[in-house]
Amino acid sequence: MKQRVSTRTLVLVGPAICLLLAAVVSFWASGHPDGLEHVAETLGFADSAGEHGSDGSPFADYGTKGVDSGFVSGGVAGIVGVLLTGALMWLVLRLVVRRRD
Protein backbone atom coordinates (compact mmCIF):
# COMPACT_ATOMS: atom_id res chain seq x y z
CA MET A 1 0.00 0.00 0.00
CA LYS A 2 1.35 3.41 -0.98
CA GLN A 3 1.62 5.93 1.84
CA ARG A 4 0.61 9.49 0.96
CA VAL A 5 2.76 12.46 1.86
CA SER A 6 0.90 15.19 3.69
CA THR A 7 0.74 18.67 2.22
CA ARG A 8 2.38 20.05 5.34
CA THR A 9 5.35 17.71 4.96
CA LEU A 10 5.69 18.62 1.30
CA VAL A 11 5.52 22.35 2.05
CA LEU A 12 8.18 22.07 4.77
CA VAL A 13 10.54 19.49 3.30
CA GLY A 14 10.40 20.63 -0.36
CA PRO A 15 11.76 24.14 0.22
CA ALA A 16 14.30 22.82 2.73
CA ILE A 17 15.70 20.47 0.08
CA CYS A 18 15.75 23.32 -2.47
CA LEU A 19 17.64 25.55 -0.03
CA LEU A 20 20.13 22.79 0.76
CA LEU A 21 20.76 22.15 -2.92
CA ALA A 22 21.14 25.87 -3.65
CA ALA A 23 23.50 26.40 -0.72
CA VAL A 24 25.71 23.33 -1.02
CA VAL A 25 25.44 21.64 -4.40
CA SER A 26 25.77 24.91 -6.32
CA PHE A 27 29.49 24.85 -5.44
CA TRP A 28 29.96 21.90 -7.79
CA ALA A 29 28.09 23.48 -10.71
CA SER A 30 29.86 23.32 -14.03
CA GLY A 31 32.36 26.05 -14.76
CA HIS A 32 31.77 25.63 -18.49
CA PRO A 33 29.78 28.28 -20.33
CA ASP A 34 26.01 27.96 -20.24
CA GLY A 35 24.03 27.29 -23.42
CA LEU A 36 23.78 30.90 -24.55
CA GLU A 37 27.46 31.59 -23.97
CA HIS A 38 28.39 28.39 -25.80
CA VAL A 39 26.31 29.35 -28.85
CA ALA A 40 27.80 32.87 -28.81
CA GLU A 41 31.32 31.40 -28.73
CA THR A 42 30.52 28.84 -31.42
CA LEU A 43 29.01 31.42 -33.75
CA GLY A 44 31.79 33.93 -33.03
CA PHE A 45 29.92 36.83 -31.46
CA ALA A 46 30.77 36.29 -27.78
CA ASP A 47 33.22 39.21 -27.81
CA SER A 48 30.50 41.64 -28.89
CA ALA A 49 28.67 41.33 -25.56
CA GLY A 50 28.64 44.47 -23.47
CA GLU A 51 27.70 45.44 -19.95
CA HIS A 52 24.21 44.51 -18.86
CA GLY A 53 21.80 45.98 -16.34
CA SER A 54 22.60 43.58 -13.52
CA ASP A 55 26.41 43.84 -13.68
CA GLY A 56 26.55 45.96 -10.54
CA SER A 57 23.91 44.03 -8.61
CA PRO A 58 24.76 42.23 -5.35
CA PHE A 59 24.21 38.80 -6.95
CA ALA A 60 25.71 39.29 -10.42
CA ASP A 61 27.48 36.35 -12.08
CA TYR A 62 26.06 33.68 -9.72
CA GLY A 63 27.88 35.10 -6.70
CA THR A 64 27.44 37.51 -3.81
CA LYS A 65 29.22 40.86 -3.92
CA GLY A 66 31.52 41.40 -0.96
CA VAL A 67 31.89 37.70 -0.07
CA ASP A 68 35.42 36.47 -0.80
CA SER A 69 34.84 32.73 -0.45
CA GLY A 70 33.56 31.25 -3.72
CA PHE A 71 31.71 28.50 -1.87
CA VAL A 72 29.92 30.90 0.49
CA SER A 73 29.33 33.49 -2.24
CA GLY A 74 27.61 30.99 -4.54
CA GLY A 75 25.68 29.46 -1.65
CA VAL A 76 24.30 32.79 -0.48
CA ALA A 77 23.32 33.73 -4.04
CA GLY A 78 21.60 30.35 -4.44
CA ILE A 79 19.69 30.68 -1.18
CA VAL A 80 18.52 34.21 -2.04
CA GLY A 81 17.48 32.98 -5.50
CA VAL A 82 15.42 30.14 -4.03
CA LEU A 83 13.77 32.45 -1.50
CA LEU A 84 12.92 35.10 -4.12
CA THR A 85 11.58 32.48 -6.54
CA GLY A 86 9.51 30.91 -3.75
CA ALA A 87 8.12 34.29 -2.70
CA LEU A 88 7.19 35.13 -6.29
CA MET A 89 5.53 31.73 -6.72
CA TRP A 90 3.57 32.21 -3.48
CA LEU A 91 2.41 35.66 -4.62
CA VAL A 92 1.28 34.37 -8.03
CA LEU A 93 -0.57 31.45 -6.42
CA ARG A 94 -2.31 33.80 -3.98
CA LEU A 95 -3.45 36.00 -6.86
CA VAL A 96 -4.74 33.01 -8.82
CA VAL A 97 -6.64 31.63 -5.83
CA ARG A 98 -8.20 35.02 -5.10
CA ARG A 99 -9.27 35.46 -8.68
CA ARG A 100 -10.89 32.03 -8.71
CA ASP A 101 -12.87 32.77 -5.51
PDB file of N, CA and C in Angstrom:
ATOM      1  N   MET A   1       0.835  -1.178   0.000  1.00  0.00           N
ATOM      2  CA  MET A   1       0.000   0.000   0.000  1.00  0.00           C
ATOM      3  C   MET A   1       0.887   1.251   0.000  1.00  0.00           C
ATOM      4  N   LYS A   2       0.575   2.193  -0.845  1.00  0.00           N
ATOM      5  CA  LYS A   2       1.353   3.414  -0.984  1.00  0.00           C
ATOM      6  C   LYS A   2       0.932   4.426   0.076  1.00  0.00           C
ATOM      7  N   GLN A   3       1.918   4.944   0.812  1.00  0.00           N
ATOM      8  CA  GLN A   3       1.615   5.930   1.845  1.00  0.00           C
ATOM      9  C   GLN A   3       1.675   7.325   1.223  1.00  0.00           C
ATOM     10  N   ARG A   4       0.668   8.133   1.504  1.00  0.00           N
ATOM     11  CA  ARG A   4       0.610   9.486   0.958  1.00  0.00           C
ATOM     12  C   ARG A   4       1.415  10.443   1.818  1.00  0.00           C
ATOM     13  N   VAL A   5       2.009  11.417   1.170  1.00  0.00           N
ATOM     14  CA  VAL A   5       2.757  12.456   1.865  1.00  0.00           C
ATOM     15  C   VAL A   5       1.810  13.612   2.131  1.00  0.00           C
ATOM     16  N   SER A   6       1.799  14.086   3.352  1.00  0.00           N
ATOM     17  CA  SER A   6       0.901  15.190   3.692  1.00  0.00           C
ATOM     18  C   SER A   6       1.362  16.487   3.032  1.00  0.00           C
ATOM     19  N   THR A   7       0.429  17.374   2.814  1.00  0.00           N
ATOM     20  CA  THR A   7       0.743  18.669   2.216  1.00  0.00           C
ATOM     21  C   THR A   7       1.704  19.443   3.101  1.00  0.00           C
ATOM     22  N   ARG A   8       1.505  19.352   4.397  1.00  0.00           N
ATOM     23  CA  ARG A   8       2.379  20.055   5.341  1.00  0.00           C
ATOM     24  C   ARG A   8       3.813  19.576   5.216  1.00  0.00           C
ATOM     25  N   THR A   9       4.003  18.263   5.121  1.00  0.00           N
ATOM     26  CA  THR A   9       5.347  17.710   4.960  1.00  0.00           C
ATOM     27  C   THR A   9       5.967  18.188   3.654  1.00  0.00           C
ATOM     28  N   LEU A  10       5.198  18.173   2.593  1.00  0.00           N
ATOM     29  CA  LEU A  10       5.687  18.623   1.297  1.00  0.00           C
ATOM     30  C   LEU A  10       6.081  20.093   1.334  1.00  0.00           C
ATOM     31  N   VAL A  11       5.256  20.918   1.985  1.00  0.00           N
ATOM     32  CA  VAL A  11       5.522  22.353   2.053  1.00  0.00           C
ATOM     33  C   VAL A  11       6.736  22.660   2.922  1.00  0.00           C
ATOM     34  N   LEU A  12       7.019  21.844   3.906  1.00  0.00           N
ATOM     35  CA  LEU A  12       8.176  22.069   4.775  1.00  0.00           C
ATOM     36  C   LEU A  12       9.454  21.434   4.228  1.00  0.00           C
ATOM     37  N   VAL A  13       9.352  20.217   3.740  1.00  0.00           N
ATOM     38  CA  VAL A  13      10.538  19.490   3.300  1.00  0.00           C
ATOM     39  C   VAL A  13      10.987  19.938   1.906  1.00  0.00           C
ATOM     40  N   GLY A  14      10.053  20.220   1.003  1.00  0.00           N
ATOM     41  CA  GLY A  14      10.395  20.631  -0.357  1.00  0.00           C
ATOM     42  C   GLY A  14      11.293  21.857  -0.404  1.00  0.00           C
ATOM     43  N   PRO A  15      10.890  22.963   0.211  1.00  0.00           N
ATOM     44  CA  PRO A  15      11.761  24.142   0.216  1.00  0.00           C
ATOM     45  C   PRO A  15      13.080  23.910   0.961  1.00  0.00           C
ATOM     46  N   ALA A  16      13.059  23.103   2.014  1.00  0.00           N
ATOM     47  CA  ALA A  16      14.296  22.815   2.733  1.00  0.00           C
ATOM     48  C   ALA A  16      15.293  22.108   1.823  1.00  0.00           C
ATOM     49  N   ILE A  17      14.816  21.173   1.021  1.00  0.00           N
ATOM     50  CA  ILE A  17      15.695  20.471   0.079  1.00  0.00           C
ATOM     51  C   ILE A  17      16.202  21.451  -0.983  1.00  0.00           C
ATOM     52  N   CYS A  18      15.337  22.317  -1.481  1.00  0.00           N
ATOM     53  CA  CYS A  18      15.749  23.317  -2.471  1.00  0.00           C
ATOM     54  C   CYS A  18      16.831  24.239  -1.909  1.00  0.00           C
ATOM     55  N   LEU A  19      16.649  24.686  -0.661  1.00  0.00           N
ATOM     56  CA  LEU A  19      17.642  25.550  -0.028  1.00  0.00           C
ATOM     57  C   LEU A  19      18.969  24.824   0.171  1.00  0.00           C
ATOM     58  N   LEU A  20      18.903  23.576   0.579  1.00  0.00           N
ATOM     59  CA  LEU A  20      20.125  22.786   0.762  1.00  0.00           C
ATOM     60  C   LEU A  20      20.860  22.629  -0.564  1.00  0.00           C
ATOM     61  N   LEU A  21      20.131  22.294  -1.607  1.00  0.00           N
ATOM     62  CA  LEU A  21      20.761  22.146  -2.924  1.00  0.00           C
ATOM     63  C   LEU A  21      21.366  23.464  -3.396  1.00  0.00           C
ATOM     64  N   ALA A  22      20.644  24.563  -3.211  1.00  0.00           N
ATOM     65  CA  ALA A  22      21.144  25.865  -3.650  1.00  0.00           C
ATOM     66  C   ALA A  22      22.378  26.283  -2.867  1.00  0.00           C
ATOM     67  N   ALA A  23      22.393  25.970  -1.581  1.00  0.00           N
ATOM     68  CA  ALA A  23      23.496  26.401  -0.725  1.00  0.00           C
ATOM     69  C   ALA A  23      24.740  25.533  -0.884  1.00  0.00           C
ATOM     70  N   VAL A  24      24.566  24.234  -1.054  1.00  0.00           N
ATOM     71  CA  VAL A  24      25.710  23.329  -1.018  1.00  0.00           C
ATOM     72  C   VAL A  24      26.091  22.815  -2.402  1.00  0.00           C
ATOM     73  N   VAL A  25      25.128  22.291  -3.135  1.00  0.00           N
ATOM     74  CA  VAL A  25      25.437  21.638  -4.401  1.00  0.00           C
ATOM     75  C   VAL A  25      25.839  22.652  -5.471  1.00  0.00           C
ATOM     76  N   SER A  26      25.419  23.902  -5.327  1.00  0.00           N
ATOM     77  CA  SER A  26      25.772  24.913  -6.318  1.00  0.00           C
ATOM     78  C   SER A  26      27.283  25.088  -6.439  1.00  0.00           C
ATOM     79  N   PHE A  27      28.027  24.742  -5.401  1.00  0.00           N
ATOM     80  CA  PHE A  27      29.491  24.854  -5.436  1.00  0.00           C
ATOM     81  C   PHE A  27      30.083  23.959  -6.519  1.00  0.00           C
ATOM     82  N   TRP A  28      29.439  22.838  -6.799  1.00  0.00           N
ATOM     83  CA  TRP A  28      29.959  21.897  -7.789  1.00  0.00           C
ATOM     84  C   TRP A  28      29.343  22.090  -9.171  1.00  0.00           C
ATOM     85  N   ALA A  29      28.675  23.215  -9.391  1.00  0.00           N
ATOM     86  CA  ALA A  29      28.092  23.483 -10.712  1.00  0.00           C
ATOM     87  C   ALA A  29      29.211  23.602 -11.740  1.00  0.00           C
ATOM     88  N   SER A  30      28.880  23.305 -12.955  1.00  0.00           N
ATOM     89  CA  SER A  30      29.861  23.324 -14.029  1.00  0.00           C
ATOM     90  C   SER A  30      30.427  24.720 -14.234  1.00  0.00           C
ATOM     91  N   GLY A  31      31.713  24.795 -14.456  1.00  0.00           N
ATOM     92  CA  GLY A  31      32.365  26.055 -14.760  1.00  0.00           C
ATOM     93  C   GLY A  31      32.361  26.352 -16.250  1.00  0.00           C
ATOM     94  N   HIS A  32      31.850  25.428 -17.046  1.00  0.00           N
ATOM     95  CA  HIS A  32      31.774  25.629 -18.487  1.00  0.00           C
ATOM     96  C   HIS A  32      30.693  26.653 -18.815  1.00  0.00           C
ATOM     97  N   PRO A  33      30.797  27.293 -19.964  1.00  0.00           N
ATOM     98  CA  PRO A  33      29.776  28.284 -20.331  1.00  0.00           C
ATOM     99  C   PRO A  33      28.387  27.658 -20.415  1.00  0.00           C
ATOM    100  N   ASP A  34      27.373  28.462 -20.093  1.00  0.00           N
ATOM    101  CA  ASP A  34      26.008  27.964 -20.235  1.00  0.00           C
ATOM    102  C   ASP A  34      25.641  27.913 -21.720  1.00  0.00           C
ATOM    103  N   GLY A  35      24.433  27.496 -22.028  1.00  0.00           N
ATOM    104  CA  GLY A  35      24.025  27.291 -23.417  1.00  0.00           C
ATOM    105  C   GLY A  35      24.147  28.533 -24.277  1.00  0.00           C
ATOM    106  N   LEU A  36      23.715  29.676 -23.763  1.00  0.00           N
ATOM    107  CA  LEU A  36      23.779  30.903 -24.552  1.00  0.00           C
ATOM    108  C   LEU A  36      25.218  31.329 -24.810  1.00  0.00           C
ATOM    109  N   GLU A  37      26.059  31.232 -23.788  1.00  0.00           N
ATOM    110  CA  GLU A  37      27.464  31.588 -23.968  1.00  0.00           C
ATOM    111  C   GLU A  37      28.141  30.648 -24.960  1.00  0.00           C
ATOM    112  N   HIS A  38      27.803  29.371 -24.888  1.00  0.00           N
ATOM    113  CA  HIS A  38      28.389  28.395 -25.797  1.00  0.00           C
ATOM    114  C   HIS A  38      28.018  28.704 -27.252  1.00  0.00           C
ATOM    115  N   VAL A  39      26.752  29.018 -27.487  1.00  0.00           N
ATOM    116  CA  VAL A  39      26.311  29.355 -28.847  1.00  0.00           C
ATOM    117  C   VAL A  39      27.013  30.626 -29.317  1.00  0.00           C
ATOM    118  N   ALA A  40      27.128  31.626 -28.444  1.00  0.00           N
ATOM    119  CA  ALA A  40      27.803  32.871 -28.812  1.00  0.00           C
ATOM    120  C   ALA A  40      29.265  32.613 -29.169  1.00  0.00           C
ATOM    121  N   GLU A  41      29.937  31.746 -28.413  1.00  0.00           N
ATOM    122  CA  GLU A  41      31.325  31.404 -28.728  1.00  0.00           C
ATOM    123  C   GLU A  41      31.420  30.613 -30.028  1.00  0.00           C
ATOM    124  N   THR A  42      30.508  29.671 -30.212  1.00  0.00           N
ATOM    125  CA  THR A  42      30.518  28.837 -31.416  1.00  0.00           C
ATOM    126  C   THR A  42      30.282  29.674 -32.672  1.00  0.00           C
ATOM    127  N   LEU A  43      29.346  30.606 -32.585  1.00  0.00           N
ATOM    128  CA  LEU A  43      29.015  31.421 -33.753  1.00  0.00           C
ATOM    129  C   LEU A  43      29.904  32.653 -33.892  1.00  0.00           C
ATOM    130  N   GLY A  44      30.785  32.873 -32.919  1.00  0.00           N
ATOM    131  CA  GLY A  44      31.788  33.926 -33.030  1.00  0.00           C
ATOM    132  C   GLY A  44      31.359  35.322 -32.642  1.00  0.00           C
ATOM    133  N   PHE A  45      30.299  35.475 -31.863  1.00  0.00           N
ATOM    134  CA  PHE A  45      29.917  36.833 -31.460  1.00  0.00           C
ATOM    135  C   PHE A  45      29.967  37.039 -29.950  1.00  0.00           C
ATOM    136  N   ALA A  46      30.675  36.167 -29.243  1.00  0.00           N
ATOM    137  CA  ALA A  46      30.766  36.292 -27.783  1.00  0.00           C
ATOM    138  C   ALA A  46      31.493  37.568 -27.361  1.00  0.00           C
ATOM    139  N   ASP A  47      32.462  38.011 -28.165  1.00  0.00           N
ATOM    140  CA  ASP A  47      33.222  39.209 -27.808  1.00  0.00           C
ATOM    141  C   ASP A  47      32.425  40.502 -27.988  1.00  0.00           C
ATOM    142  N   SER A  48      31.289  40.429 -28.663  1.00  0.00           N
ATOM    143  CA  SER A  48      30.501  41.636 -28.889  1.00  0.00           C
ATOM    144  C   SER A  48      29.577  41.955 -27.711  1.00  0.00           C
ATOM    145  N   ALA A  49      29.534  41.092 -26.725  1.00  0.00           N
ATOM    146  CA  ALA A  49      28.667  41.326 -25.564  1.00  0.00           C
ATOM    147  C   ALA A  49      29.185  42.509 -24.762  1.00  0.00           C
ATOM    148  N   GLY A  50      28.262  43.308 -24.270  1.00  0.00           N
ATOM    149  CA  GLY A  50      28.636  44.471 -23.472  1.00  0.00           C
ATOM    150  C   GLY A  50      28.123  44.324 -22.046  1.00  0.00           C
ATOM    151  N   GLU A  51      28.214  45.410 -21.320  1.00  0.00           N
ATOM    152  CA  GLU A  51      27.704  45.438 -19.953  1.00  0.00           C
ATOM    153  C   GLU A  51      26.193  45.259 -19.976  1.00  0.00           C
ATOM    154  N   HIS A  52      25.651  44.636 -18.943  1.00  0.00           N
ATOM    155  CA  HIS A  52      24.205  44.509 -18.862  1.00  0.00           C
ATOM    156  C   HIS A  52      23.703  45.126 -17.568  1.00  0.00           C
ATOM    157  N   GLY A  53      22.418  45.257 -17.449  1.00  0.00           N
ATOM    158  CA  GLY A  53      21.802  45.978 -16.339  1.00  0.00           C
ATOM    159  C   GLY A  53      22.105  45.435 -14.960  1.00  0.00           C
ATOM    160  N   SER A  54      22.377  44.155 -14.852  1.00  0.00           N
ATOM    161  CA  SER A  54      22.595  43.580 -13.518  1.00  0.00           C
ATOM    162  C   SER A  54      24.072  43.415 -13.171  1.00  0.00           C
ATOM    163  N   ASP A  55      24.972  43.987 -13.958  1.00  0.00           N
ATOM    164  CA  ASP A  55      26.409  43.845 -13.676  1.00  0.00           C
ATOM    165  C   ASP A  55      26.799  44.347 -12.292  1.00  0.00           C
ATOM    166  N   GLY A  56      26.185  45.401 -11.834  1.00  0.00           N
ATOM    167  CA  GLY A  56      26.545  45.960 -10.539  1.00  0.00           C
ATOM    168  C   GLY A  56      25.700  45.448  -9.388  1.00  0.00           C
ATOM    169  N   SER A  57      24.817  44.498  -9.662  1.00  0.00           N
ATOM    170  CA  SER A  57      23.913  44.030  -8.608  1.00  0.00           C
ATOM    171  C   SER A  57      24.651  43.167  -7.588  1.00  0.00           C
ATOM    172  N   PRO A  58      24.095  43.010  -6.407  1.00  0.00           N
ATOM    173  CA  PRO A  58      24.763  42.230  -5.355  1.00  0.00           C
ATOM    174  C   PRO A  58      24.933  40.749  -5.703  1.00  0.00           C
ATOM    175  N   PHE A  59      24.148  40.226  -6.636  1.00  0.00           N
ATOM    176  CA  PHE A  59      24.213  38.803  -6.955  1.00  0.00           C
ATOM    177  C   PHE A  59      24.569  38.543  -8.422  1.00  0.00           C
ATOM    178  N   ALA A  60      25.313  39.453  -9.020  1.00  0.00           N
ATOM    179  CA  ALA A  60      25.709  39.290 -10.423  1.00  0.00           C
ATOM    180  C   ALA A  60      26.666  38.113 -10.573  1.00  0.00           C
ATOM    181  N   ASP A  61      26.580  37.441 -11.695  1.00  0.00           N
ATOM    182  CA  ASP A  61      27.481  36.353 -12.077  1.00  0.00           C
ATOM    183  C   ASP A  61      27.457  35.184 -11.087  1.00  0.00           C
ATOM    184  N   TYR A  62      26.270  34.843 -10.585  1.00  0.00           N
ATOM    185  CA  TYR A  62      26.060  33.679  -9.717  1.00  0.00           C
ATOM    186  C   TYR A  62      26.892  33.746  -8.429  1.00  0.00           C
ATOM    187  N   GLY A  63      27.126  34.930  -7.926  1.00  0.00           N
ATOM    188  CA  GLY A  63      27.883  35.099  -6.699  1.00  0.00           C
ATOM    189  C   GLY A  63      27.286  36.217  -5.866  1.00  0.00           C
ATOM    190  N   THR A  64      27.899  36.460  -4.710  1.00  0.00           N
ATOM    191  CA  THR A  64      27.440  37.506  -3.811  1.00  0.00           C
ATOM    192  C   THR A  64      28.541  38.541  -3.652  1.00  0.00           C
ATOM    193  N   LYS A  65      28.232  39.781  -4.006  1.00  0.00           N
ATOM    194  CA  LYS A  65      29.215  40.857  -3.917  1.00  0.00           C
ATOM    195  C   LYS A  65      29.669  41.039  -2.473  1.00  0.00           C
ATOM    196  N   GLY A  66      30.970  41.161  -2.286  1.00  0.00           N
ATOM    197  CA  GLY A  66      31.522  41.400  -0.964  1.00  0.00           C
ATOM    198  C   GLY A  66      31.859  40.138  -0.188  1.00  0.00           C
ATOM    199  N   VAL A  67      31.558  38.966  -0.730  1.00  0.00           N
ATOM    200  CA  VAL A  67      31.888  37.704  -0.069  1.00  0.00           C
ATOM    201  C   VAL A  67      33.067  37.087  -0.827  1.00  0.00           C
ATOM    202  N   ASP A  68      34.192  36.927  -0.139  1.00  0.00           N
ATOM    203  CA  ASP A  68      35.417  36.474  -0.797  1.00  0.00           C
ATOM    204  C   ASP A  68      35.422  34.981  -1.103  1.00  0.00           C
ATOM    205  N   SER A  69      34.854  34.172  -0.258  1.00  0.00           N
ATOM    206  CA  SER A  69      34.843  32.726  -0.454  1.00  0.00           C
ATOM    207  C   SER A  69      33.885  32.359  -1.578  1.00  0.00           C
ATOM    208  N   GLY A  70      34.398  31.664  -2.600  1.00  0.00           N
ATOM    209  CA  GLY A  70      33.560  31.252  -3.716  1.00  0.00           C
ATOM    210  C   GLY A  70      32.432  30.343  -3.287  1.00  0.00           C
ATOM    211  N   PHE A  71      32.718  29.431  -2.357  1.00  0.00           N
ATOM    212  CA  PHE A  71      31.709  28.497  -1.867  1.00  0.00           C
ATOM    213  C   PHE A  71      30.578  29.243  -1.170  1.00  0.00           C
ATOM    214  N   VAL A  72      30.924  30.146  -0.264  1.00  0.00           N
ATOM    215  CA  VAL A  72      29.918  30.896   0.490  1.00  0.00           C
ATOM    216  C   VAL A  72      29.193  31.880  -0.429  1.00  0.00           C
ATOM    217  N   SER A  73      29.919  32.523  -1.327  1.00  0.00           N
ATOM    218  CA  SER A  73      29.332  33.487  -2.244  1.00  0.00           C
ATOM    219  C   SER A  73      28.262  32.849  -3.126  1.00  0.00           C
ATOM    220  N   GLY A  74      28.578  31.704  -3.709  1.00  0.00           N
ATOM    221  CA  GLY A  74      27.605  30.993  -4.539  1.00  0.00           C
ATOM    222  C   GLY A  74      26.446  30.456  -3.725  1.00  0.00           C
ATOM    223  N   GLY A  75      26.732  29.979  -2.521  1.00  0.00           N
ATOM    224  CA  GLY A  75      25.680  29.458  -1.652  1.00  0.00           C
ATOM    225  C   GLY A  75      24.681  30.516  -1.247  1.00  0.00           C
ATOM    226  N   VAL A  76      25.186  31.688  -0.874  1.00  0.00           N
ATOM    227  CA  VAL A  76      24.295  32.785  -0.477  1.00  0.00           C
ATOM    228  C   VAL A  76      23.446  33.222  -1.671  1.00  0.00           C
ATOM    229  N   ALA A  77      24.070  33.345  -2.837  1.00  0.00           N
ATOM    230  CA  ALA A  77      23.318  33.730  -4.037  1.00  0.00           C
ATOM    231  C   ALA A  77      22.246  32.680  -4.353  1.00  0.00           C
ATOM    232  N   GLY A  78      22.574  31.407  -4.191  1.00  0.00           N
ATOM    233  CA  GLY A  78      21.598  30.348  -4.440  1.00  0.00           C
ATOM    234  C   GLY A  78      20.438  30.397  -3.466  1.00  0.00           C
ATOM    235  N   ILE A  79      20.744  30.608  -2.201  1.00  0.00           N
ATOM    236  CA  ILE A  79      19.686  30.683  -1.179  1.00  0.00           C
ATOM    237  C   ILE A  79      18.763  31.865  -1.451  1.00  0.00           C
ATOM    238  N   VAL A  80      19.337  33.024  -1.750  1.00  0.00           N
ATOM    239  CA  VAL A  80      18.517  34.206  -2.042  1.00  0.00           C
ATOM    240  C   VAL A  80      17.666  33.957  -3.283  1.00  0.00           C
ATOM    241  N   GLY A  81      18.242  33.294  -4.292  1.00  0.00           N
ATOM    242  CA  GLY A  81      17.482  32.980  -5.495  1.00  0.00           C
ATOM    243  C   GLY A  81      16.300  32.073  -5.218  1.00  0.00           C
ATOM    244  N   VAL A  82      16.514  31.049  -4.393  1.00  0.00           N
ATOM    245  CA  VAL A  82      15.418  30.136  -4.034  1.00  0.00           C
ATOM    246  C   VAL A  82      14.345  30.884  -3.248  1.00  0.00           C
ATOM    247  N   LEU A  83      14.748  31.713  -2.304  1.00  0.00           N
ATOM    248  CA  LEU A  83      13.773  32.451  -1.498  1.00  0.00           C
ATOM    249  C   LEU A  83      12.971  33.441  -2.347  1.00  0.00           C
ATOM    250  N   LEU A  84      13.637  34.152  -3.262  1.00  0.00           N
ATOM    251  CA  LEU A  84      12.918  35.095  -4.119  1.00  0.00           C
ATOM    252  C   LEU A  84      11.981  34.369  -5.079  1.00  0.00           C
ATOM    253  N   THR A  85      12.436  33.260  -5.639  1.00  0.00           N
ATOM    254  CA  THR A  85      11.579  32.483  -6.535  1.00  0.00           C
ATOM    255  C   THR A  85      10.380  31.924  -5.779  1.00  0.00           C
ATOM    256  N   GLY A  86      10.609  31.424  -4.570  1.00  0.00           N
ATOM    257  CA  GLY A  86       9.510  30.912  -3.751  1.00  0.00           C
ATOM    258  C   GLY A  86       8.513  31.994  -3.389  1.00  0.00           C
ATOM    259  N   ALA A  87       9.012  33.179  -3.048  1.00  0.00           N
ATOM    260  CA  ALA A  87       8.120  34.289  -2.703  1.00  0.00           C
ATOM    261  C   ALA A  87       7.292  34.721  -3.910  1.00  0.00           C
ATOM    262  N   LEU A  88       7.920  34.773  -5.074  1.00  0.00           N
ATOM    263  CA  LEU A  88       7.195  35.127  -6.289  1.00  0.00           C
ATOM    264  C   LEU A  88       6.136  34.081  -6.618  1.00  0.00           C
ATOM    265  N   MET A  89       6.491  32.805  -6.470  1.00  0.00           N
ATOM    266  CA  MET A  89       5.531  31.731  -6.722  1.00  0.00           C
ATOM    267  C   MET A  89       4.351  31.830  -5.750  1.00  0.00           C
ATOM    268  N   TRP A  90       4.629  32.081  -4.478  1.00  0.00           N
ATOM    269  CA  TRP A  90       3.575  32.210  -3.477  1.00  0.00           C
ATOM    270  C   TRP A  90       2.637  33.363  -3.835  1.00  0.00           C
ATOM    271  N   LEU A  91       3.217  34.502  -4.254  1.00  0.00           N
ATOM    272  CA  LEU A  91       2.415  35.656  -4.620  1.00  0.00           C
ATOM    273  C   LEU A  91       1.519  35.348  -5.815  1.00  0.00           C
ATOM    274  N   VAL A  92       2.071  34.718  -6.844  1.00  0.00           N
ATOM    275  CA  VAL A  92       1.277  34.371  -8.028  1.00  0.00           C
ATOM    276  C   VAL A  92       0.155  33.406  -7.657  1.00  0.00           C
ATOM    277  N   LEU A  93       0.459  32.403  -6.845  1.00  0.00           N
ATOM    278  CA  LEU A  93      -0.571  31.450  -6.424  1.00  0.00           C
ATOM    279  C   LEU A  93      -1.672  32.123  -5.614  1.00  0.00           C
ATOM    280  N   ARG A  94      -1.305  33.063  -4.757  1.00  0.00           N
ATOM    281  CA  ARG A  94      -2.305  33.797  -3.982  1.00  0.00           C
ATOM    282  C   ARG A  94      -3.216  34.605  -4.903  1.00  0.00           C
ATOM    283  N   LEU A  95      -2.650  35.221  -5.913  1.00  0.00           N
ATOM    284  CA  LEU A  95      -3.449  36.000  -6.857  1.00  0.00           C
ATOM    285  C   LEU A  95      -4.391  35.107  -7.652  1.00  0.00           C
ATOM    286  N   VAL A  96      -3.914  33.942  -8.058  1.00  0.00           N
ATOM    287  CA  VAL A  96      -4.737  33.008  -8.823  1.00  0.00           C
ATOM    288  C   VAL A  96      -5.879  32.479  -7.969  1.00  0.00           C
ATOM    289  N   VAL A  97      -5.599  32.141  -6.718  1.00  0.00           N
ATOM    290  CA  VAL A  97      -6.637  31.625  -5.827  1.00  0.00           C
ATOM    291  C   VAL A  97      -7.676  32.701  -5.554  1.00  0.00           C
ATOM    292  N   ARG A  98      -7.251  33.923  -5.334  1.00  0.00           N
ATOM    293  CA  ARG A  98      -8.201  35.022  -5.103  1.00  0.00           C
ATOM    294  C   ARG A  98      -9.083  35.256  -6.308  1.00  0.00           C
ATOM    295  N   ARG A  99      -8.498  35.215  -7.475  1.00  0.00           N
ATOM    296  CA  ARG A  99      -9.269  35.465  -8.683  1.00  0.00           C
ATOM    297  C   ARG A  99     -10.309  34.370  -8.896  1.00  0.00           C
ATOM    298  N   ARG A 100      -9.971  33.143  -8.523  1.00  0.00           N
ATOM    299  CA  ARG A 100     -10.887  32.027  -8.705  1.00  0.00           C
ATOM    300  C   ARG A 100     -12.052  32.109  -7.724  1.00  0.00           C
ATOM    301  N   ASP A 101     -11.799  32.646  -6.518  1.00  0.00           N
ATOM    302  CA  ASP A 101     -12.865  32.772  -5.513  1.00  0.00           C
ATOM    303  C   ASP A 101     -13.802  33.835  -5.905  1.00  0.00           C
TER     304      ASP A 101
END
